[in-house]
Amino acid sequence: MKSTIDLHMHSFYSDDGEFSPEELVQKCKDNDIKMMAITDHNCVRTNEAAQKCALTEGIIYIPAIEVDCTYQDTNLHVLGYGIDYNSPDFEEIETNISEQSSKASYEMLLATQNLGFDISERDMNYLSESMYWKDRWTGEMFAEVLLNKPEYDNHYLLQPYRQGGSRSNNPYVNFYWDFYSQGKPCYVEIVYPSIERIIDIIHSNGGKAILAHPAVNLGDNTELLKGIISKGIDGIEVFSSYHSLSKANRFYDIVKQYHLLATCGSDYHGKIKPEVFLGQHGCSISDVEMLQFLSDF
């Protein structure tokens, strides 16, 4: 069932997004999305332009951000909806993460070279020169470079990400999760703020704090999820392109049990997730029911 609501997508103000805010609004219009939010990573720059464009297209727009944070040494993503995006609090978040990410990019390059790949700073700069964040490289970007180097057509580490391979459905982002995420060989630590701090910032700026795609970061760790809920989150992104129907149903039961909000989002990025489309989040409840959850936004 395709929804007309999509509250999780990324513009080129995310270091892994492809499209401008205006292009995303147009894509939402083309896909019959009636309510949208662009949730860029640690950055609110998209919101002003997106909100203006959405208004002209008759689309309800919710100002938003997706912030990296931690809880009990676990990296998490928290979505902030209905925020005052002009607040200096969000500029501070962006500056902190941006400075660390720039430095971490070079450490990730060294780690990728240590896997045995001949990949250079020049390769990465060539890919990033047309992007908004030119000095930040992501795991998805390393994947794009490596998978397009002819000399690595048959490299054993890359085979799962090529057509027909076990991780080929969204090869760039899967490569990131397998090699650059927390605990993986090319992971470089960035010191993220605590979830308590991010919840407080979102709340103090008029927003609602929603835990993004929990199955990705938490797996089936119910105790960790209970701890996060106790810190004051307002809801959970129940319906996501990352969640199977059974996992979504589990999280839906949890939000009802704890009287939380439920949200839905595709986590659309463009080319790094070629099998993820706007409105594709597997929401199993009607738009009318979902709007009841979203009425506070």
Protein backbone atom coordinates (compact mmCIF):
# COMPACT_ATOMS: atom_id res chain seq x y z
CA MET A 1 0.00 0.00 0.00
CA LYS A 2 1.56 3.30 -1.11
CA SER A 3 1.15 6.18 1.28
CA THR A 4 0.68 9.87 0.50
CA ILE A 5 2.81 10.68 3.57
CA ASP A 6 6.60 10.51 3.63
CA LEU A 7 8.42 12.08 6.57
CA HIS A 8 11.97 10.85 5.98
CA MET A 9 14.02 11.83 2.93
CA HIS A 10 17.31 13.58 2.26
CA SER A 11 18.42 16.46 0.05
CA PHE A 12 21.94 17.34 -1.04
CA TYR A 13 22.37 19.14 2.29
CA SER A 14 22.93 15.65 3.67
CA ASP A 15 26.37 14.34 2.80
CA ASP A 16 24.70 11.29 1.24
CA GLY A 17 21.75 12.97 -0.51
CA GLU A 18 21.41 13.66 -4.23
CA PHE A 19 18.67 16.21 -4.93
CA SER A 20 17.95 19.84 -4.08
CA PRO A 21 15.02 20.72 -1.79
CA GLU A 22 13.04 21.97 -4.78
CA GLU A 23 13.70 18.77 -6.71
CA LEU A 24 12.48 16.68 -3.78
CA VAL A 25 9.27 18.69 -3.55
CA GLN A 26 8.69 18.14 -7.26
CA LYS A 27 9.36 14.43 -6.88
CA CYS A 28 6.88 14.30 -4.02
CA LYS A 29 4.29 16.02 -6.19
CA ASP A 30 4.96 13.56 -9.02
CA ASN A 31 4.52 10.66 -6.57
CA ASP A 32 1.29 12.04 -5.08
CA ILE A 33 2.87 12.75 -1.69
CA LYS A 34 0.60 15.14 0.21
CA MET A 35 2.65 15.52 3.40
CA MET A 36 6.45 15.52 3.47
CA ALA A 37 9.50 16.31 5.58
CA ILE A 38 13.12 16.55 4.50
CA THR A 39 15.26 15.21 7.33
CA ASP A 40 18.84 16.04 6.45
CA HIS A 41 21.64 14.70 8.59
CA ASN A 42 22.61 17.22 11.27
CA CYS A 43 21.56 20.12 9.05
CA VAL A 44 18.46 22.30 8.69
CA ARG A 45 19.52 24.27 5.59
CA THR A 46 16.94 22.59 3.36
CA ASN A 47 13.85 23.65 5.30
CA GLU A 48 13.27 27.24 4.23
CA ALA A 49 13.46 26.50 0.50
CA ALA A 50 11.53 23.25 0.80
CA GLN A 51 8.75 24.83 2.84
CA LYS A 52 8.28 27.66 0.33
CA CYS A 53 8.28 25.29 -2.63
CA ALA A 54 5.91 22.83 -0.97
CA LEU A 55 3.46 25.64 -0.24
CA THR A 56 3.26 26.57 -3.92
CA GLU A 57 2.65 22.90 -4.80
CA GLY A 58 -0.08 22.38 -2.21
CA ILE A 59 1.98 19.93 -0.16
CA ILE A 60 2.01 20.02 3.64
CA TYR A 61 5.61 20.46 4.75
CA ILE A 62 6.95 19.72 8.24
CA PRO A 63 10.32 21.31 9.09
CA ALA A 64 12.70 18.59 10.20
CA ILE A 65 16.22 17.27 10.86
CA GLU A 66 17.85 13.90 11.53
CA VAL A 67 20.50 14.09 14.25
CA ASP A 68 23.21 11.60 15.13
CA CYS A 69 23.44 10.93 18.85
CA THR A 70 24.36 8.18 21.31
CA TYR A 71 22.82 6.18 24.11
CA GLN A 72 24.80 3.63 26.13
CA ASP A 73 27.60 3.60 23.51
CA THR A 74 25.13 2.91 20.69
CA ASN A 75 24.91 5.35 17.79
CA LEU A 76 21.36 6.41 17.02
CA HIS A 77 19.44 8.71 14.68
CA VAL A 78 16.75 10.94 16.13
CA LEU A 79 14.32 12.83 13.91
CA GLY A 80 13.16 16.25 15.00
CA TYR A 81 9.81 17.41 13.53
CA GLY A 82 8.09 20.77 13.72
CA ILE A 83 11.29 22.48 14.84
CA ASP A 84 12.21 26.15 14.70
CA TYR A 85 14.93 25.64 12.11
CA ASN A 86 16.23 29.19 12.54
CA SER A 87 17.47 28.39 16.04
CA PRO A 88 21.26 28.67 16.54
CA ASP A 89 21.08 25.30 18.32
CA PHE A 90 20.92 23.55 14.95
CA GLU A 91 23.79 25.58 13.54
CA GLU A 92 25.84 24.40 16.50
CA ILE A 93 24.94 20.77 15.77
CA GLU A 94 25.94 21.18 12.13
CA THR A 95 29.26 22.85 12.91
CA ASN A 96 30.23 20.21 15.46
CA ILE A 97 29.50 17.25 13.18
CA SER A 98 30.87 18.91 10.05
CA GLU A 99 34.25 19.64 11.59
CA GLN A 100 34.59 16.10 12.89
CA SER A 101 33.37 14.54 9.63
CA SER A 102 35.96 16.40 7.58
CA LYS A 103 38.78 15.01 9.72
CA ALA A 104 37.22 11.54 9.87
CA SER A 105 37.02 11.37 6.07
CA TYR A 106 40.81 11.09 5.78
CA GLU A 107 40.94 8.41 8.46
CA MET A 108 38.28 6.47 6.55
CA LEU A 109 40.39 6.80 3.41
CA LEU A 110 43.37 5.24 5.21
CA ALA A 111 41.17 2.45 6.57
CA THR A 112 39.86 1.74 3.06
CA GLN A 113 43.41 1.60 1.73
CA ASN A 114 44.24 -0.86 4.53
CA LEU A 115 41.59 -3.18 3.09
CA GLY A 116 43.89 -3.44 0.07
CA PHE A 117 42.25 -0.94 -2.26
CA ASP A 118 44.20 1.57 -4.32
CA ILE A 119 42.01 4.58 -3.69
CA SER A 120 43.24 8.14 -3.36
CA GLU A 121 42.25 11.55 -2.07
CA ARG A 122 42.02 12.58 -5.73
CA ASP A 123 39.42 9.85 -6.39
CA MET A 124 37.28 11.10 -3.53
CA ASN A 125 37.64 14.78 -4.43
CA TYR A 126 36.60 14.04 -7.99
CA LEU A 127 33.37 12.45 -6.75
CA SER A 128 32.62 15.16 -4.19
CA GLU A 129 33.41 18.22 -6.33
CA SER A 130 29.79 18.53 -7.47
CA MET A 131 28.33 17.95 -3.99
CA TYR A 132 27.36 20.54 -1.39
CA TRP A 133 29.73 19.12 1.26
CA LYS A 134 32.99 18.89 -0.70
CA ASP A 135 35.27 17.98 2.19
CA ARG A 136 33.22 15.11 3.62
CA TRP A 137 33.36 11.55 2.34
CA THR A 138 30.93 8.84 3.37
CA GLY A 139 31.01 5.07 3.25
CA GLU A 140 28.52 5.26 0.40
CA MET A 141 30.94 7.46 -1.54
CA PHE A 142 33.80 5.03 -1.02
CA ALA A 143 31.52 2.29 -2.32
CA GLU A 144 30.63 4.31 -5.42
CA VAL A 145 34.30 4.90 -6.25
CA LEU A 146 35.38 1.31 -5.66
CA LEU A 147 32.47 -0.30 -7.49
CA ASN A 148 33.21 1.83 -10.53
CA LYS A 149 36.94 1.05 -10.72
CA PRO A 150 37.42 -1.49 -13.56
CA GLU A 151 40.41 -3.08 -11.84
CA TYR A 152 38.11 -4.22 -9.04
CA ASP A 153 35.43 -5.81 -11.20
CA ASN A 154 36.19 -9.23 -9.68
CA HIS A 155 37.40 -8.23 -6.24
CA TYR A 156 36.02 -10.65 -3.69
CA LEU A 157 35.07 -7.96 -1.16
CA LEU A 158 32.94 -6.18 -3.74
CA GLN A 159 31.15 -9.18 -5.25
CA PRO A 160 28.21 -9.12 -2.79
CA TYR A 161 27.41 -5.55 -3.93
CA ARG A 162 27.39 -6.24 -7.66
CA GLN A 163 24.33 -7.26 -9.64
CA GLY A 164 22.98 -10.55 -8.35
CA GLY A 165 25.02 -10.39 -5.16
CA SER A 166 23.56 -10.82 -1.70
CA ARG A 167 23.94 -7.10 -0.89
CA SER A 168 23.18 -5.70 -4.35
CA ASN A 169 19.71 -4.31 -3.66
CA ASN A 170 21.12 -1.01 -2.33
CA PRO A 171 24.85 -1.56 -2.86
CA TYR A 172 26.27 1.79 -1.75
CA VAL A 173 24.44 2.06 1.54
CA ASN A 174 24.87 -1.66 2.24
CA PHE A 175 28.63 -1.25 1.77
CA TYR A 176 28.50 1.58 4.30
CA TRP A 177 26.66 -0.56 6.86
CA ASP A 178 29.06 -3.49 6.31
CA PHE A 179 32.36 -1.57 6.44
CA TYR A 180 31.93 1.95 7.87
CA SER A 181 29.23 1.76 10.52
CA GLN A 182 29.89 1.35 14.22
CA GLY A 183 32.06 -1.70 14.95
CA LYS A 184 33.04 -2.33 11.32
CA PRO A 185 36.60 -2.35 9.85
CA CYS A 186 36.55 1.20 8.44
CA TYR A 187 34.55 2.82 11.23
CA VAL A 188 35.96 6.09 12.49
CA GLU A 189 34.52 7.41 15.72
CA ILE A 190 32.79 10.77 15.75
CA VAL A 191 31.78 12.07 19.16
CA TYR A 192 28.04 12.58 18.94
CA PRO A 193 25.91 14.32 21.55
CA SER A 194 23.85 12.24 23.95
CA ILE A 195 20.27 11.41 23.08
CA GLU A 196 19.17 13.33 26.17
CA ARG A 197 20.85 16.47 24.82
CA ILE A 198 19.27 16.10 21.37
CA ILE A 199 15.80 15.44 22.77
CA ASP A 200 16.18 18.56 24.92
CA ILE A 201 17.25 20.69 21.92
CA ILE A 202 14.35 19.44 19.79
CA HIS A 203 11.84 20.06 22.56
CA SER A 204 13.20 23.50 23.42
CA ASN A 205 12.78 24.46 19.77
CA GLY A 206 9.14 23.43 19.58
CA GLY A 207 9.65 20.01 18.02
CA LYS A 208 8.90 16.34 18.55
CA ALA A 209 11.74 13.83 18.92
CA ILE A 210 11.27 10.57 17.02
CA LEU A 211 13.62 7.57 17.09
CA ALA A 212 14.50 6.75 13.48
CA HIS A 213 14.49 3.22 12.00
CA PRO A 214 15.19 1.46 15.33
CA ALA A 215 15.61 -1.98 13.79
CA VAL A 216 18.80 -0.76 12.11
CA ASN A 217 20.51 0.61 15.19
CA LEU A 218 19.00 -1.53 17.93
CA GLY A 219 18.09 -4.81 16.26
CA ASP A 220 15.87 -6.70 18.68
CA ASN A 221 17.31 -5.13 21.84
CA THR A 222 14.08 -4.36 23.65
CA GLU A 223 15.81 -3.32 26.88
CA LEU A 224 17.84 -0.68 25.07
CA LEU A 225 14.69 0.60 23.40
CA LYS A 226 12.92 0.83 26.76
CA GLY A 227 15.83 2.88 28.08
CA ILE A 228 15.59 5.25 25.12
CA ILE A 229 11.86 5.65 25.64
CA SER A 230 12.53 6.57 29.27
CA LYS A 231 14.67 9.50 28.10
CA GLY A 232 11.63 11.29 26.72
CA ILE A 233 11.32 10.57 23.03
CA ASP A 234 7.91 11.42 21.62
CA GLY A 235 7.66 8.58 19.15
CA ILE A 236 9.18 5.94 16.91
CA GLU A 237 9.55 5.74 13.15
CA VAL A 238 7.50 2.56 12.95
CA PHE A 239 7.17 2.29 9.20
CA SER A 240 10.46 2.46 7.29
CA SER A 241 12.04 0.97 4.18
CA TYR A 242 14.38 -0.74 6.64
CA HIS A 243 11.58 -2.50 8.52
CA SER A 244 9.90 -5.73 7.55
CA LEU A 245 6.17 -5.95 8.21
CA SER A 246 6.78 -8.05 11.33
CA LYS A 247 9.26 -5.52 12.74
CA ALA A 248 6.94 -2.62 11.94
CA ASN A 249 4.08 -4.39 13.70
CA ARG A 250 6.31 -4.93 16.74
CA PHE A 251 7.20 -1.25 16.93
CA TYR A 252 3.58 -0.29 16.36
CA ASP A 253 2.59 -2.36 19.38
CA ILE A 254 5.30 -0.61 21.40
CA VAL A 255 4.14 2.92 20.51
CA LYS A 256 0.61 2.01 21.50
CA GLN A 257 1.82 0.44 24.74
CA TYR A 258 3.82 3.55 25.71
CA HIS A 259 1.37 6.08 24.21
CA LEU A 260 3.95 7.39 21.73
CA LEU A 261 3.65 8.82 18.23
CA ALA A 262 4.13 6.60 15.20
CA THR A 263 5.67 8.00 12.02
CA CYS A 264 6.47 6.74 8.54
CA GLY A 265 9.34 7.50 6.19
CA SER A 266 11.03 5.96 3.20
CA ASP A 267 14.54 7.30 4.00
CA TYR A 268 14.84 8.25 0.35
CA HIS A 269 18.30 9.46 -0.74
CA GLY A 270 18.44 8.97 -4.49
CA LYS A 271 21.26 7.01 -6.07
CA ILE A 272 22.70 5.50 -2.89
CA LYS A 273 19.44 3.61 -2.32
CA PRO A 274 18.21 2.75 -5.83
CA GLU A 275 15.51 0.41 -4.55
CA VAL A 276 13.99 2.95 -2.15
CA PHE A 277 11.27 5.21 -3.54
CA LEU A 278 9.27 8.08 -2.09
CA GLY A 279 6.28 6.81 -0.14
CA GLN A 280 7.86 3.36 0.16
CA HIS A 281 7.86 2.64 3.87
CA GLY A 282 5.41 -0.24 4.16
CA CYS A 283 2.88 1.61 6.29
CA SER A 284 0.15 -0.87 7.11
CA ILE A 285 -2.31 1.64 8.53
CA SER A 286 -4.37 4.12 6.56
CA ASP A 287 -3.30 7.71 5.95
CA VAL A 288 -6.24 8.79 8.08
CA GLU A 289 -4.92 6.78 11.04
CA MET A 290 -1.39 8.05 10.46
CA LEU A 291 -2.61 11.64 10.39
CA GLN A 292 -4.11 11.11 13.82
CA PHE A 293 -0.60 10.35 15.11
CA LEU A 294 0.79 13.37 13.28
CA SER A 295 -1.82 15.88 14.43
CA ASP A 296 0.62 17.33 17.00
CA PHE A 297 3.06 18.33 14.27
